[in-house]
Amino acid sequence: MYRVLVMGGTRFFGKRLVQLLLDDGAEVTIATRGQTVDSFGDTVKRLVVDRESYESLAKAVEGRDWDLIYDNICYSPQDAMNACEIFAGKVKRYIYTSSMSVYESLSVNKKEEEFDPYPLPIQMGKRMDFDYGTAKGLAEAVFAQRATFPVCSVRFTFVLGIDDYTRRVEFHIDRVKRGIPIGIPNMDAKINFISSDEAAELLLWLKDHKIEGPLNACSTGAISLAELISSIEQEVGKKAIIVPRTSQENMSPYGVERTLTINNGKATQAGFAFQPLHSWFPILLRQLVLS
């Protein structure tokens, strides 16, 4: 039996990952703030931690070690530095949930080498000190340059699922149903998605594949905002009202100015078989419309 720590394992794809690990025979410990009830009962161990506090994290893991750590709640270079120091000598492998937001410019088919964390000058700070993408990228840089254990930084695209707490797809469904204008500056822009199931499956797969450094993660294929809205219109049975600009609360969370897609070739070449986007997205969309 191998020992795994999952930091942030009580909702969305973290929860799915924990179940996959348990099914695989792992001894799983979940580290969270203890504010979200989970359904795992006595099948997991639990640590209550403040991820942003060095003292809290160090005290919680004192005297413990793991074969593998998944970090789904690292949001700043300071969080990453704390992990590098606290988990030195306590873990054999570390998988950090990063984001495609590390890429500084919008473009097509972004590859991992287009944002290289290894030579990036490290700026220390907490979550509030940077925008989201900058903070995640600086955390990657800290892991790349300061960790004494192997780290893989998984750059996820937009993750979707029936239990997506961000409710970004539902944002569009709700406004189409209610006839509220949605702000989308470029309907021709394309984006990627990955399902929460596939995100968890990739993370589980990585435990047996010693990939280090950045790794893009998205289902194969992309969808334009026009195709997304058209699909919602078909399921809802109403036409959407689309405008280039509107009030901030009605601007689409997917409303990029230009195409932003990432390339999943590195993981594919290593042996992970991503699902085609069209094989699962229409099914999920229908479930969300009916829910």
Protein backbone atom coordinates (compact mmCIF):
# COMPACT_ATOMS: atom_id res chain seq x y z
CA MET A 1 0.00 0.00 0.00
CA TYR A 2 1.30 3.43 -0.92
CA ARG A 3 0.63 6.58 1.11
CA VAL A 4 -0.85 9.68 -0.50
CA LEU A 5 -1.61 13.16 0.80
CA VAL A 6 -4.23 15.13 -1.13
CA MET A 7 -4.33 18.80 -0.22
CA GLY A 8 -7.78 19.97 -1.19
CA GLY A 9 -9.66 16.71 -1.72
CA THR A 10 -13.24 17.40 -0.70
CA ARG A 11 -14.78 18.94 -3.81
CA PHE A 12 -14.82 18.73 -7.60
CA PHE A 13 -11.98 16.77 -9.24
CA GLY A 14 -10.05 16.56 -5.95
CA LYS A 15 -12.91 14.52 -4.54
CA ARG A 16 -12.93 12.31 -7.63
CA LEU A 17 -9.17 11.82 -7.34
CA VAL A 18 -9.49 10.67 -3.73
CA GLN A 19 -12.03 8.03 -4.74
CA LEU A 20 -9.80 6.79 -7.57
CA LEU A 21 -6.85 6.53 -5.17
CA LEU A 22 -8.93 4.58 -2.66
CA ASP A 23 -10.11 2.25 -5.42
CA ASP A 24 -6.46 1.77 -6.37
CA GLY A 25 -5.58 0.66 -2.85
CA ALA A 26 -3.86 3.81 -1.57
CA GLU A 27 -3.79 4.96 2.03
CA VAL A 28 -5.18 8.47 1.58
CA THR A 29 -4.88 11.48 3.84
CA ILE A 30 -6.90 14.60 3.01
CA ALA A 31 -5.66 18.02 4.12
CA THR A 32 -8.25 20.82 4.07
CA ARG A 33 -9.53 23.65 6.21
CA GLY A 34 -12.13 21.23 7.54
CA GLN A 35 -15.03 23.36 6.34
CA THR A 36 -16.43 21.01 3.67
CA VAL A 37 -18.04 17.73 4.66
CA ASP A 38 -16.89 14.76 2.58
CA SER A 39 -18.42 11.34 2.01
CA PHE A 40 -15.33 9.22 2.61
CA GLY A 41 -16.05 8.31 6.22
CA ASP A 42 -13.30 6.29 7.87
CA THR A 43 -11.73 5.27 4.53
CA VAL A 44 -9.41 8.30 4.69
CA LYS A 45 -7.32 10.11 7.26
CA ARG A 46 -7.81 13.85 7.70
CA LEU A 47 -5.66 16.84 8.54
CA VAL A 48 -7.08 20.29 9.21
CA VAL A 49 -4.69 22.94 7.90
CA ASP A 50 -4.52 26.55 6.84
CA ARG A 51 -2.67 26.08 3.54
CA GLU A 52 -1.42 29.67 3.59
CA SER A 53 0.12 29.35 7.06
CA TYR A 54 3.62 27.87 7.33
CA GLU A 55 3.12 27.07 10.99
CA SER A 56 -0.25 25.37 10.47
CA LEU A 57 0.99 23.18 7.62
CA ALA A 58 4.27 22.28 9.35
CA LYS A 59 2.49 21.30 12.56
CA ALA A 60 -0.14 19.22 10.74
CA VAL A 61 2.41 17.09 8.87
CA GLU A 62 5.03 16.82 11.61
CA GLY A 63 6.34 13.26 11.91
CA ARG A 64 4.56 12.09 8.74
CA ASP A 65 5.73 11.21 5.25
CA TRP A 66 4.13 10.16 1.97
CA ASP A 67 5.00 8.46 -1.27
CA LEU A 68 3.03 11.04 -3.22
CA ILE A 69 1.45 14.43 -2.58
CA TYR A 70 -1.20 16.10 -4.72
CA ASP A 71 -1.45 19.84 -4.10
CA ASN A 72 -4.73 21.28 -5.39
CA ILE A 73 -4.73 24.38 -3.18
CA CYS A 74 -1.39 26.10 -3.86
CA TYR A 75 -2.16 29.61 -5.07
CA SER A 76 1.03 31.62 -4.55
CA PRO A 77 4.82 31.44 -4.60
CA GLN A 78 4.77 31.63 -0.79
CA ASP A 79 2.51 28.57 -0.64
CA ALA A 80 4.95 26.75 -2.91
CA MET A 81 8.01 27.80 -0.89
CA ASN A 82 6.34 26.62 2.31
CA ALA A 83 5.74 23.24 0.69
CA CYS A 84 9.32 22.98 -0.56
CA GLU A 85 10.65 23.55 2.95
CA ILE A 86 8.08 21.58 4.94
CA PHE A 87 7.96 18.50 2.70
CA ALA A 88 11.71 18.19 2.12
CA GLY A 89 12.57 14.61 3.07
CA LYS A 90 8.88 13.76 3.56
CA VAL A 91 7.73 12.92 0.01
CA LYS A 92 9.01 10.97 -2.99
CA ARG A 93 6.96 12.78 -5.63
CA TYR A 94 4.80 15.92 -5.78
CA ILE A 95 2.04 16.82 -8.24
CA TYR A 96 0.97 20.46 -8.27
CA THR A 97 -2.33 21.56 -9.83
CA SER A 98 -1.32 24.56 -11.92
CA SER A 99 -3.29 26.31 -14.67
CA MET A 100 -3.19 27.29 -18.32
CA SER A 101 -3.45 30.85 -16.93
CA VAL A 102 0.35 30.83 -16.58
CA TYR A 103 0.60 31.55 -20.31
CA GLU A 104 1.04 35.27 -20.63
CA SER A 105 -0.56 35.76 -24.04
CA LEU A 106 -3.61 34.38 -25.79
CA SER A 107 -2.79 32.18 -28.76
CA VAL A 108 -3.39 28.82 -30.40
CA ASN A 109 -2.00 25.47 -29.25
CA LYS A 110 0.24 26.64 -26.43
CA LYS A 111 3.03 24.19 -25.59
CA GLU A 112 4.68 23.77 -22.21
CA GLU A 113 7.96 25.35 -23.29
CA GLU A 114 6.20 28.64 -24.03
CA PHE A 115 6.21 29.31 -20.30
CA ASP A 116 9.41 28.00 -18.76
CA PRO A 117 9.43 28.20 -14.94
CA TYR A 118 13.06 27.14 -14.53
CA PRO A 119 14.79 30.44 -15.40
CA LEU A 120 11.92 32.66 -14.22
CA PRO A 121 13.04 35.13 -11.53
CA ILE A 122 11.23 34.25 -8.32
CA GLN A 123 9.12 36.94 -6.69
CA MET A 124 7.81 36.03 -3.28
CA GLY A 125 4.34 36.97 -2.16
CA LYS A 126 0.95 35.68 -1.14
CA ARG A 127 -2.17 35.06 -3.17
CA MET A 128 -3.42 38.63 -2.79
CA ASP A 129 -0.19 40.10 -4.18
CA PHE A 130 -0.61 38.85 -7.77
CA ASP A 131 -3.23 38.11 -10.36
CA TYR A 132 -4.20 34.43 -10.60
CA GLY A 133 -2.05 33.46 -13.58
CA THR A 134 1.05 35.25 -12.30
CA ALA A 135 0.70 33.64 -8.87
CA LYS A 136 0.33 30.14 -10.34
CA GLY A 137 3.31 30.68 -12.63
CA LEU A 138 5.51 31.94 -9.81
CA ALA A 139 4.49 28.92 -7.73
CA GLU A 140 5.66 26.73 -10.62
CA ALA A 141 8.96 28.60 -10.63
CA VAL A 142 9.45 28.00 -6.91
CA PHE A 143 8.79 24.27 -7.28
CA ALA A 144 11.04 24.06 -10.34
CA GLN A 145 13.97 25.85 -8.72
CA ARG A 146 13.70 25.14 -5.00
CA ALA A 147 12.07 21.73 -4.48
CA THR A 148 14.36 18.88 -3.40
CA PHE A 149 11.79 16.34 -4.60
CA PRO A 150 10.42 15.69 -8.13
CA VAL A 151 7.50 17.95 -9.07
CA CYS A 152 5.05 17.83 -11.97
CA SER A 153 3.00 21.00 -12.52
CA VAL A 154 -0.23 20.12 -14.32
CA ARG A 155 -1.58 23.05 -16.32
CA PHE A 156 -5.30 22.39 -16.52
CA THR A 157 -7.58 24.16 -18.94
CA PHE A 158 -11.16 24.99 -17.86
CA VAL A 159 -12.40 21.98 -15.86
CA LEU A 160 -16.08 21.10 -16.23
CA GLY A 161 -18.36 18.73 -14.35
CA ILE A 162 -21.85 18.33 -12.99
CA ASP A 163 -20.53 19.47 -9.59
CA ASP A 164 -18.42 22.39 -10.83
CA TYR A 165 -18.65 24.89 -7.98
CA THR A 166 -17.70 27.79 -10.29
CA ARG A 167 -20.91 27.22 -12.30
CA ARG A 168 -19.41 28.89 -15.37
CA VAL A 169 -21.43 26.87 -17.87
CA GLU A 170 -24.58 27.44 -15.80
CA PHE A 171 -23.83 31.19 -16.04
CA HIS A 172 -24.58 30.97 -19.76
CA ILE A 173 -27.51 28.56 -19.44
CA ASP A 174 -29.20 30.80 -16.86
CA ARG A 175 -28.87 33.96 -18.94
CA VAL A 176 -30.10 32.30 -22.11
CA LYS A 177 -33.15 30.99 -20.24
CA ARG A 178 -33.87 34.43 -18.74
CA GLY A 179 -33.12 36.46 -21.86
CA ILE A 180 -30.27 38.39 -20.25
CA PRO A 181 -27.55 39.67 -22.62
CA ILE A 182 -24.20 37.87 -22.33
CA GLY A 183 -20.99 39.76 -23.01
CA ILE A 184 -18.67 37.89 -25.39
CA PRO A 185 -16.10 40.04 -27.24
CA ASN A 186 -15.15 37.44 -29.86
CA MET A 187 -17.54 34.63 -30.77
CA ASP A 188 -14.93 33.08 -33.08
CA ALA A 189 -12.39 32.59 -30.27
CA LYS A 190 -11.81 28.96 -29.30
CA ILE A 191 -11.08 27.38 -25.92
CA ASN A 192 -10.36 23.93 -24.49
CA PHE A 193 -12.13 22.03 -21.73
CA ILE A 194 -11.43 18.93 -19.67
CA SER A 195 -13.97 17.00 -17.62
CA SER A 196 -13.51 16.63 -13.88
CA ASP A 197 -13.50 12.86 -14.37
CA GLU A 198 -10.68 13.06 -16.89
CA ALA A 199 -8.74 15.53 -14.73
CA ALA A 200 -8.84 13.06 -11.84
CA GLU A 201 -7.90 10.16 -14.12
CA LEU A 202 -4.87 12.06 -15.41
CA LEU A 203 -3.71 12.84 -11.88
CA LEU A 204 -4.04 9.18 -10.91
CA TRP A 205 -2.17 8.14 -14.08
CA LEU A 206 0.69 10.47 -13.18
CA LYS A 207 1.51 8.49 -10.04
CA ASP A 208 2.99 5.77 -12.26
CA HIS A 209 4.54 8.06 -14.88
CA LYS A 210 7.54 10.01 -13.67
CA ILE A 211 6.93 13.18 -15.65
CA GLU A 212 8.55 16.27 -14.17
CA GLY A 213 8.04 19.94 -14.91
CA PRO A 214 5.05 21.47 -16.71
CA LEU A 215 2.32 19.34 -18.28
CA ASN A 216 -0.68 20.65 -20.21
CA ALA A 217 -4.03 18.96 -19.61
CA CYS A 218 -7.11 19.28 -21.85
CA SER A 219 -9.46 17.02 -23.75
CA THR A 220 -8.58 16.67 -27.42
CA GLY A 221 -10.22 19.33 -29.55
CA ALA A 222 -11.48 22.86 -29.04
CA ILE A 223 -14.80 24.67 -29.22
CA SER A 224 -15.54 28.20 -30.36
CA LEU A 225 -17.69 30.49 -28.24
CA ALA A 226 -20.18 30.53 -31.13
CA GLU A 227 -20.40 26.73 -31.01
CA LEU A 228 -20.76 26.79 -27.23
CA ILE A 229 -23.63 29.28 -27.33
CA SER A 230 -25.31 27.47 -30.24
CA SER A 231 -25.22 24.21 -28.27
CA ILE A 232 -26.78 25.91 -25.25
CA GLU A 233 -29.47 27.48 -27.45
CA GLN A 234 -30.38 24.07 -28.83
CA GLU A 235 -30.66 22.50 -25.38
CA VAL A 236 -32.54 25.42 -23.81
CA GLY A 237 -34.79 26.08 -26.82
CA LYS A 238 -34.17 29.84 -26.80
CA LYS A 239 -31.88 32.22 -28.66
CA ALA A 240 -29.08 33.84 -26.71
CA ILE A 241 -28.61 37.60 -26.67
CA ILE A 242 -24.89 38.19 -27.29
CA VAL A 243 -23.21 41.59 -27.04
CA PRO A 244 -19.49 42.50 -27.17
CA ARG A 245 -19.65 44.42 -23.89
CA THR A 246 -22.11 44.65 -21.02
CA SER A 247 -22.06 44.97 -17.23
CA GLN A 248 -19.26 43.04 -15.58
CA GLU A 249 -21.60 40.54 -13.90
CA ASN A 250 -22.93 39.53 -17.32
CA MET A 251 -19.59 39.21 -19.12
CA SER A 252 -18.90 35.57 -20.01
CA PRO A 253 -16.24 33.88 -17.85
CA TYR A 254 -15.10 32.27 -21.11
CA GLY A 255 -15.15 35.53 -23.05
CA VAL A 256 -11.54 35.66 -24.20
CA GLU A 257 -10.50 38.29 -26.74
CA ARG A 258 -8.67 35.74 -28.89
CA THR A 259 -8.33 31.97 -29.10
CA LEU A 260 -6.66 30.39 -26.08
CA THR A 261 -5.95 26.70 -26.54
CA ILE A 262 -3.23 24.45 -25.17
CA ASN A 263 -1.45 21.46 -26.68
CA ASN A 264 -1.81 18.13 -24.85
CA GLY A 265 0.88 16.36 -26.89
CA LYS A 266 3.39 15.91 -24.06
CA ALA A 267 0.99 13.82 -21.97
CA THR A 268 -0.33 12.03 -25.05
CA GLN A 269 3.17 11.04 -26.14
CA ALA A 270 3.81 9.74 -22.63
CA GLY A 271 0.81 7.44 -22.99
CA PHE A 272 -2.25 9.20 -21.58
CA ALA A 273 -5.29 8.95 -23.87
CA PHE A 274 -7.34 12.13 -23.61
CA GLN A 275 -10.99 11.90 -24.60
CA PRO A 276 -12.25 13.87 -27.59
CA LEU A 277 -14.08 16.95 -26.33
CA HIS A 278 -17.14 16.16 -28.45
CA SER A 279 -17.47 12.71 -26.81
CA TRP A 280 -18.51 14.09 -23.42
CA PHE A 281 -19.29 17.80 -23.60
CA PRO A 282 -22.77 17.54 -25.23
CA ILE A 283 -23.80 14.97 -22.62
CA LEU A 284 -22.64 17.16 -19.74
CA LEU A 285 -24.31 20.22 -21.23
CA ARG A 286 -27.65 18.41 -21.40
CA GLN A 287 -27.28 17.30 -17.77
CA LEU A 288 -26.56 20.87 -16.69
CA VAL A 289 -29.54 22.27 -18.60
CA LEU A 290 -31.85 19.70 -17.01
CA SER A 291 -30.45 20.03 -13.49
